[in-house]
């Protein structure tokens, strides 16, 4: 009798849990449709063939070995993907366990997987300038000569690489990753287009927790040495759970990584950075539709060195799931977009 009662209780708990899961999921799905933010959710679920049957069949007759092994393995993947979709937490990235690192997006709740907002996980440290006493961010000086620098490129996480072709997603500690090669190619392309550019290959992430402390000094010196600089970009590649899948756009016959721009709002003048970001995205959509994610992403308690200049941005060129070729394909269109934005400014 005791065994039967316990079995009934466990069955009730399982049924209740399944019903609760479905109610919450359907409610959030309706919310995303209501806010016109359901597209990516549907894409992620369809790409990953979200295995609802494995969730619903838990405890059903016939699920013993070897089916049980498949069920347990699949449930782990569901947990990873589901946690990311519902909370933005990436199980494979311990930094994201602290929910205070995330800021809810204006377009929808933080549970949507594409609303991934690292909120100062890299320990940027205190703002060293007394920027709160300034009336505006640092503005560039007028361009007087052809050799005046307009664009700067650096990398806080110099070791980031692309693993979509089977390579490692990070270079060995202290070595340059694919994002540095990307910066060099972008520098060369901008120069060929007549845009004077400087590129720092300084390795800033030998000690990962000190990355932003190091890149702060790199960006600060670049701006001091080149006061005419209009745009200074910290170029990264994103890191997402493998189950979410990579994001690309086809332009012509080639696949291109998509580009995400992130704005840190722990900066009294973040709206100035946002103006530039929105101009770049708008220009990009006109010239190469789909290349940029259409919405800027925000981090409420991070600044990513963007308080140093009104033209400071953080760009995520694809993710670790993209191939190096897909990422490098974006160099030419990004250079053309930046050139057009700079010319329109003058």
Protein backbone atom coordinates (compact mmCIF):
# COMPACT_ATOMS: atom_id res chain seq x y z
CA UNK A 1 0.00 0.00 0.00
CA UNK A 2 2.82 2.38 0.90
CA UNK A 3 4.61 1.65 -2.39
CA UNK A 4 1.42 2.24 -4.39
CA UNK A 5 0.76 5.51 -2.59
CA UNK A 6 4.31 6.72 -3.23
CA UNK A 7 4.06 5.74 -6.89
CA UNK A 8 0.79 7.71 -7.23
CA UNK A 9 2.38 10.75 -5.59
CA UNK A 10 5.36 10.63 -7.94
CA UNK A 11 3.05 10.25 -10.91
CA UNK A 12 1.03 13.24 -9.76
CA UNK A 13 4.19 15.34 -9.40
CA UNK A 14 5.35 14.39 -12.90
CA UNK A 15 1.97 15.16 -14.48
CA UNK A 16 1.74 18.44 -12.59
CA UNK A 17 5.27 19.39 -13.67
CA UNK A 18 4.52 18.65 -17.32
CA UNK A 19 1.29 20.66 -17.23
CA UNK A 20 3.05 23.57 -15.51
CA UNK A 21 5.83 23.51 -18.09
CA UNK A 22 3.37 23.57 -20.98
CA UNK A 23 1.30 26.39 -19.45
CA UNK A 24 4.39 28.55 -18.88
CA UNK A 25 5.78 27.81 -22.32
CA UNK A 26 2.50 28.60 -24.08
CA UNK A 27 2.08 31.80 -22.06
CA UNK A 28 5.56 33.00 -22.97
CA UNK A 29 5.07 32.00 -26.59
CA UNK A 30 1.85 34.06 -26.71
CA UNK A 31 3.72 36.96 -25.13
CA UNK A 32 6.42 36.79 -27.80
CA UNK A 33 3.80 36.76 -30.59
CA UNK A 34 2.07 39.73 -28.98
CA UNK A 35 5.34 41.66 -28.92
CA UNK A 36 6.35 40.63 -32.45
CA UNK A 37 9.46 38.93 -31.08
CA UNK A 38 8.58 35.32 -31.86
CA UNK A 39 10.60 34.91 -35.04
CA UNK A 40 13.87 33.92 -33.44
CA UNK A 41 12.18 31.64 -30.92
CA UNK A 42 10.47 29.71 -33.72
CA UNK A 43 13.74 29.61 -35.67
CA UNK A 44 15.70 28.24 -32.71
CA UNK A 45 13.10 25.59 -31.88
CA UNK A 46 12.74 24.46 -35.47
CA UNK A 47 16.48 24.36 -36.15
CA UNK A 48 17.03 22.23 -33.09
CA UNK A 49 13.88 20.10 -33.57
CA UNK A 50 12.97 20.77 -29.94
CA UNK A 51 12.09 17.25 -28.65
CA UNK A 52 8.82 17.83 -26.83
CA UNK A 53 8.06 14.13 -27.13
CA UNK A 54 11.01 13.28 -24.90
CA UNK A 55 9.73 15.65 -22.25
CA UNK A 56 6.17 14.34 -22.46
CA UNK A 57 7.07 10.64 -22.64
CA UNK A 58 8.93 10.66 -19.31
CA UNK A 59 7.61 7.76 -17.24
CA UNK A 60 5.65 6.22 -20.11
CA UNK A 61 5.79 2.41 -20.60
CA UNK A 62 8.49 1.13 -22.94
CA UNK A 63 11.12 3.75 -22.13
CA UNK A 64 13.78 1.45 -20.75
CA UNK A 65 17.25 0.67 -22.10
CA UNK A 66 18.39 1.58 -24.71
CA UNK A 67 15.64 4.19 -25.08
CA UNK A 68 16.33 5.40 -21.54
CA UNK A 69 19.88 6.39 -22.48
CA UNK A 70 18.58 8.43 -25.39
CA UNK A 71 15.98 10.05 -23.17
CA UNK A 72 18.51 11.08 -20.51
CA UNK A 73 20.95 12.44 -23.10
CA UNK A 74 18.22 14.38 -24.88
CA UNK A 75 16.88 15.78 -21.63
CA UNK A 76 20.31 17.27 -20.90
CA UNK A 77 20.26 19.06 -24.24
CA UNK A 78 16.70 20.24 -23.63
CA UNK A 79 17.77 21.61 -20.24
CA UNK A 80 20.66 23.51 -21.82
CA UNK A 81 18.56 25.00 -24.62
CA UNK A 82 15.51 25.58 -22.43
CA UNK A 83 17.52 27.36 -19.74
CA UNK A 84 19.01 29.66 -22.38
CA UNK A 85 15.64 30.42 -23.98
CA UNK A 86 13.84 31.05 -20.71
CA UNK A 87 16.52 32.89 -18.71
CA UNK A 88 19.44 33.79 -20.97
CA UNK A 89 21.72 31.59 -18.82
CA UNK A 90 24.26 29.57 -20.79
CA UNK A 91 25.00 26.37 -18.83
CA UNK A 92 28.38 26.09 -20.56
CA UNK A 93 29.41 29.59 -19.44
CA UNK A 94 29.72 29.89 -15.66
CA UNK A 95 29.82 33.69 -15.83
CA UNK A 96 26.18 33.74 -16.88
CA UNK A 97 24.95 31.99 -13.74
CA UNK A 98 24.68 35.34 -12.01
CA UNK A 99 21.34 36.69 -13.21
CA UNK A 100 22.30 40.24 -12.24
CA UNK A 101 24.57 40.13 -15.31
CA UNK A 102 21.52 40.47 -17.55
CA UNK A 103 19.34 43.41 -18.41
CA UNK A 104 15.80 42.85 -19.76
CA UNK A 105 15.56 44.11 -23.34
CA UNK A 106 13.01 46.74 -24.28
CA UNK A 107 11.51 44.38 -26.88
CA UNK A 108 10.67 41.52 -24.54
CA UNK A 109 11.53 39.50 -21.44
CA UNK A 110 15.02 38.26 -20.68
CA UNK A 111 13.98 34.62 -21.15
CA UNK A 112 14.15 35.02 -24.93
CA UNK A 113 17.41 33.36 -25.94
CA UNK A 114 18.49 36.05 -28.38
CA UNK A 115 18.29 38.69 -25.64
CA UNK A 116 21.68 37.75 -24.24
CA UNK A 117 23.12 40.61 -22.22
CA UNK A 118 26.44 40.11 -20.44
CA UNK A 119 26.20 42.66 -17.65
CA UNK A 120 29.78 43.38 -16.67
CA UNK A 121 30.94 39.76 -16.24
CA UNK A 122 34.50 40.74 -17.15
CA UNK A 123 34.98 42.93 -14.06
CA UNK A 124 35.68 46.17 -15.83
CA UNK A 125 36.58 47.93 -12.59
CA UNK A 126 35.83 51.56 -11.69
CA UNK A 127 35.66 54.34 -14.24
CA UNK A 128 39.01 56.06 -13.86
CA UNK A 129 37.93 59.38 -15.39
CA UNK A 130 35.54 61.63 -13.56
CA UNK A 131 33.20 61.46 -16.53
CA UNK A 132 30.19 62.38 -14.42
CA UNK A 133 31.47 65.94 -14.26
CA UNK A 134 31.71 66.27 -18.05
CA UNK A 135 28.87 67.75 -20.06
CA UNK A 136 29.46 65.41 -23.00
CA UNK A 137 31.62 62.45 -24.08
CA UNK A 138 34.96 62.97 -25.76
CA UNK A 139 34.31 64.29 -29.27
CA UNK A 140 36.85 63.99 -32.10
CA UNK A 141 38.77 67.02 -33.32
CA UNK A 142 38.28 68.30 -36.90
CA UNK A 143 40.05 66.42 -39.70
CA UNK A 144 42.74 68.57 -41.31
CA UNK A 145 44.97 66.19 -43.26
CA UNK A 146 44.56 63.02 -45.31
CA UNK A 147 46.63 61.10 -42.78
CA UNK A 148 44.28 61.90 -39.90
CA UNK A 149 42.93 58.66 -38.45
CA UNK A 150 39.17 58.10 -38.59
CA UNK A 151 38.77 54.49 -37.37
CA UNK A 152 40.38 52.48 -34.59
CA UNK A 153 40.15 48.70 -34.01
CA UNK A 154 41.18 46.72 -30.93
CA UNK A 155 40.25 43.49 -29.16
CA UNK A 156 39.48 43.05 -25.47
CA UNK A 157 39.30 39.26 -25.90
CA UNK A 158 42.16 38.75 -28.33
CA UNK A 159 42.05 34.95 -28.17
CA UNK A 160 38.50 34.53 -29.47
CA UNK A 161 38.27 32.30 -32.55
CA UNK A 162 35.74 30.44 -34.70
CA UNK A 163 35.10 26.73 -34.24
CA UNK A 164 32.53 26.12 -36.97
CA UNK A 165 35.11 24.48 -39.21
CA UNK A 166 36.45 22.24 -36.47
CA UNK A 167 39.03 24.64 -35.07
CA UNK A 168 39.34 25.63 -31.41
CA UNK A 169 37.02 28.37 -30.22
CA UNK A 170 39.90 30.13 -28.45
CA UNK A 171 43.58 30.48 -29.20
CA UNK A 172 46.03 29.28 -26.51
CA UNK A 173 46.46 31.76 -23.66
CA UNK A 174 48.62 34.69 -24.72
CA UNK A 175 48.19 34.09 -28.46
CA UNK A 176 46.15 35.91 -31.08
CA UNK A 177 42.82 34.43 -32.14
CA UNK A 178 40.81 34.77 -35.33
CA UNK A 179 39.25 38.06 -34.23
CA UNK A 180 42.70 39.70 -34.43
CA UNK A 181 43.10 38.44 -37.99
CA UNK A 182 39.66 39.84 -38.69
CA UNK A 183 40.76 43.23 -37.36
CA UNK A 184 43.82 43.21 -39.61
CA UNK A 185 41.74 42.43 -42.70
CA UNK A 186 39.22 45.14 -41.82
CA UNK A 187 42.06 47.61 -41.28
CA UNK A 188 43.52 46.83 -44.71
CA UNK A 189 40.13 47.07 -46.44
CA UNK A 190 39.34 50.44 -44.86
CA UNK A 191 42.75 51.75 -45.88
CA UNK A 192 42.10 50.67 -49.49
CA UNK A 193 38.81 52.56 -49.36
CA UNK A 194 40.66 55.69 -48.30
CA UNK A 195 39.72 55.53 -44.59
CA UNK A 196 42.79 56.02 -42.41
CA UNK A 197 42.67 53.30 -39.75
CA UNK A 198 44.78 52.03 -36.86
CA UNK A 199 44.62 48.50 -35.45
CA UNK A 200 45.94 47.36 -32.08
CA UNK A 201 47.07 43.72 -31.94
CA UNK A 202 47.81 44.01 -28.22
CA UNK A 203 46.80 40.82 -26.38
CA UNK A 204 44.51 41.90 -23.54
CA UNK A 205 43.21 38.59 -22.21
CA UNK A 206 46.31 36.79 -20.93
CA UNK A 207 44.45 36.93 -17.61
CA UNK A 208 40.81 36.83 -18.68
CA UNK A 209 39.40 38.65 -15.65
CA UNK A 210 41.71 41.59 -16.41
CA UNK A 211 40.77 41.88 -20.09
CA UNK A 212 38.82 45.12 -19.82
CA UNK A 213 41.29 46.68 -17.44
CA UNK A 214 43.96 46.10 -20.10
CA UNK A 215 41.91 47.09 -23.14
CA UNK A 216 40.85 50.29 -21.40
CA UNK A 217 44.42 51.57 -21.56
CA UNK A 218 44.78 50.42 -25.17
CA UNK A 219 41.63 52.26 -26.28
CA UNK A 220 42.51 55.35 -24.24
CA UNK A 221 45.97 55.62 -25.82
CA UNK A 222 44.57 55.07 -29.33
CA UNK A 223 42.22 58.00 -28.82
CA UNK A 224 44.90 60.21 -27.29
CA UNK A 225 47.29 59.48 -30.17
CA UNK A 226 44.56 59.97 -32.79
CA UNK A 227 42.19 62.74 -31.65
CA UNK A 228 40.45 62.82 -35.05
CA UNK A 229 39.18 59.26 -34.63
CA UNK A 230 35.44 59.05 -35.37
CA UNK A 231 34.85 55.37 -34.67
CA UNK A 232 36.69 53.03 -32.30
CA UNK A 233 35.55 49.39 -32.35
CA UNK A 234 36.19 46.58 -29.90
CA UNK A 235 35.76 43.52 -32.12
CA UNK A 236 34.69 40.19 -30.60
CA UNK A 237 32.86 37.06 -31.60
CA UNK A 238 29.85 36.02 -29.51
CA UNK A 239 29.67 32.91 -27.34
CA UNK A 240 26.36 31.01 -27.29
CA UNK A 241 25.14 27.50 -26.33
CA UNK A 242 25.79 25.08 -29.21
CA UNK A 243 22.13 23.98 -29.19
CA UNK A 244 21.01 27.46 -30.25
CA UNK A 245 22.84 27.16 -33.55
CA UNK A 246 24.82 29.68 -35.54
CA UNK A 247 23.28 32.60 -37.37
CA UNK A 248 24.19 33.49 -40.95
CA UNK A 249 22.79 35.46 -43.86
CA UNK A 250 23.27 34.57 -47.52
CA UNK A 251 24.48 37.40 -49.71
CA UNK A 252 24.96 36.38 -53.31
CA UNK A 253 26.39 32.87 -53.21
CA UNK A 254 28.22 33.24 -49.90
CA UNK A 255 27.21 32.73 -46.25
CA UNK A 256 28.03 35.63 -43.93
CA UNK A 257 28.14 35.75 -40.14
CA UNK A 258 25.65 38.24 -38.75
CA UNK A 259 26.93 41.22 -36.80
CA UNK A 260 25.61 42.24 -33.39
CA UNK A 261 26.28 45.64 -31.81
CA UNK A 262 26.26 45.90 -28.01
CA UNK A 263 25.95 49.13 -26.02
CA UNK A 264 26.96 49.39 -22.37
CA UNK A 265 24.62 51.68 -20.48
CA UNK A 266 26.82 52.20 -17.44
CA UNK A 267 28.05 55.31 -19.16
CA UNK A 268 26.43 58.76 -18.78
CA UNK A 269 26.59 59.30 -22.54
CA UNK A 270 25.58 55.92 -23.92
CA UNK A 271 22.91 57.54 -26.09
CA UNK A 272 25.71 59.06 -28.22
CA UNK A 273 27.15 55.59 -28.85
CA UNK A 274 23.64 54.39 -29.64
CA UNK A 275 23.14 57.06 -32.30
CA UNK A 276 26.20 55.81 -34.17
CA UNK A 277 25.17 52.15 -33.76
CA UNK A 278 21.71 52.80 -35.17
CA UNK A 279 23.17 54.73 -38.12
CA UNK A 280 25.48 51.82 -38.96
CA UNK A 281 22.65 49.27 -38.67
CA UNK A 282 20.34 51.37 -40.86
CA UNK A 283 23.02 51.83 -43.52
CA UNK A 284 23.86 48.13 -43.34
CA UNK A 285 20.22 47.13 -43.84
CA UNK A 286 20.03 49.31 -46.96
CA UNK A 287 23.22 47.93 -48.50
CA UNK A 288 23.32 44.35 -47.16
CA UNK A 289 19.94 43.33 -45.71
CA UNK A 290 20.20 40.92 -42.81
CA UNK A 291 23.93 41.40 -42.20
CA UNK A 292 23.30 43.17 -38.88
CA UNK A 293 20.96 42.07 -36.14
CA UNK A 294 18.30 44.78 -36.40
CA UNK A 295 18.26 45.69 -32.71
CA UNK A 296 21.12 46.97 -30.62
CA UNK A 297 21.68 44.89 -27.47
CA UNK A 298 22.16 46.59 -24.11
CA UNK A 299 24.10 45.78 -20.94
CA UNK A 300 22.78 47.93 -18.11
CA UNK A 301 25.76 47.65 -15.76
CA UNK A 302 28.59 47.49 -18.29
CA UNK A 303 30.29 50.15 -20.36
CA UNK A 304 32.88 48.28 -22.48
CA UNK A 305 35.16 51.36 -22.64
CA UNK A 306 32.42 53.23 -24.49
CA UNK A 307 32.59 56.16 -22.06
CA UNK A 308 35.90 57.11 -23.71
CA UNK A 309 34.37 58.34 -26.97
CA UNK A 310 31.05 59.17 -28.60
CA UNK A 311 32.11 56.81 -31.41
CA UNK A 312 32.94 53.75 -29.29
CA UNK A 313 31.19 50.46 -30.10
CA UNK A 314 31.43 46.73 -29.35
CA UNK A 315 30.85 44.48 -32.37
CA UNK A 316 30.22 40.74 -32.17
CA UNK A 317 31.15 39.24 -35.54
CA UNK A 318 29.18 35.99 -35.47
CA UNK A 319 29.75 33.45 -32.71
CA UNK A 320 32.11 30.59 -31.95
CA UNK A 321 29.77 28.37 -33.98
CA UNK A 322 30.47 30.19 -37.25
CA UNK A 323 33.30 29.24 -39.55
CA UNK A 324 36.24 31.57 -39.98
CA UNK A 325 35.26 32.01 -43.63
CA UNK A 326 31.72 33.11 -42.73
CA UNK A 327 33.16 35.71 -40.36
CA UNK A 328 35.83 36.98 -42.76
CA UNK A 329 33.21 37.38 -45.49
CA UNK A 330 31.77 40.29 -43.52
CA UNK A 331 34.97 42.35 -43.71
CA UNK A 332 34.26 43.94 -47.09
CA UNK A 333 30.61 44.90 -46.49
CA UNK A 334 31.38 46.22 -43.00
CA UNK A 335 34.18 48.39 -44.40
CA UNK A 336 31.88 49.77 -47.11
CA UNK A 337 29.16 50.53 -44.54
CA UNK A 338 31.60 52.34 -42.25
CA UNK A 339 32.94 54.35 -45.20
CA UNK A 340 29.43 55.47 -46.18
CA UNK A 341 28.57 56.44 -42.59
CA UNK A 342 31.76 58.48 -42.25
CA UNK A 343 31.21 60.23 -45.57
CA UNK A 344 27.64 61.15 -44.64
CA UNK A 345 28.88 62.63 -41.37
CA UNK A 346 31.11 65.12 -43.16
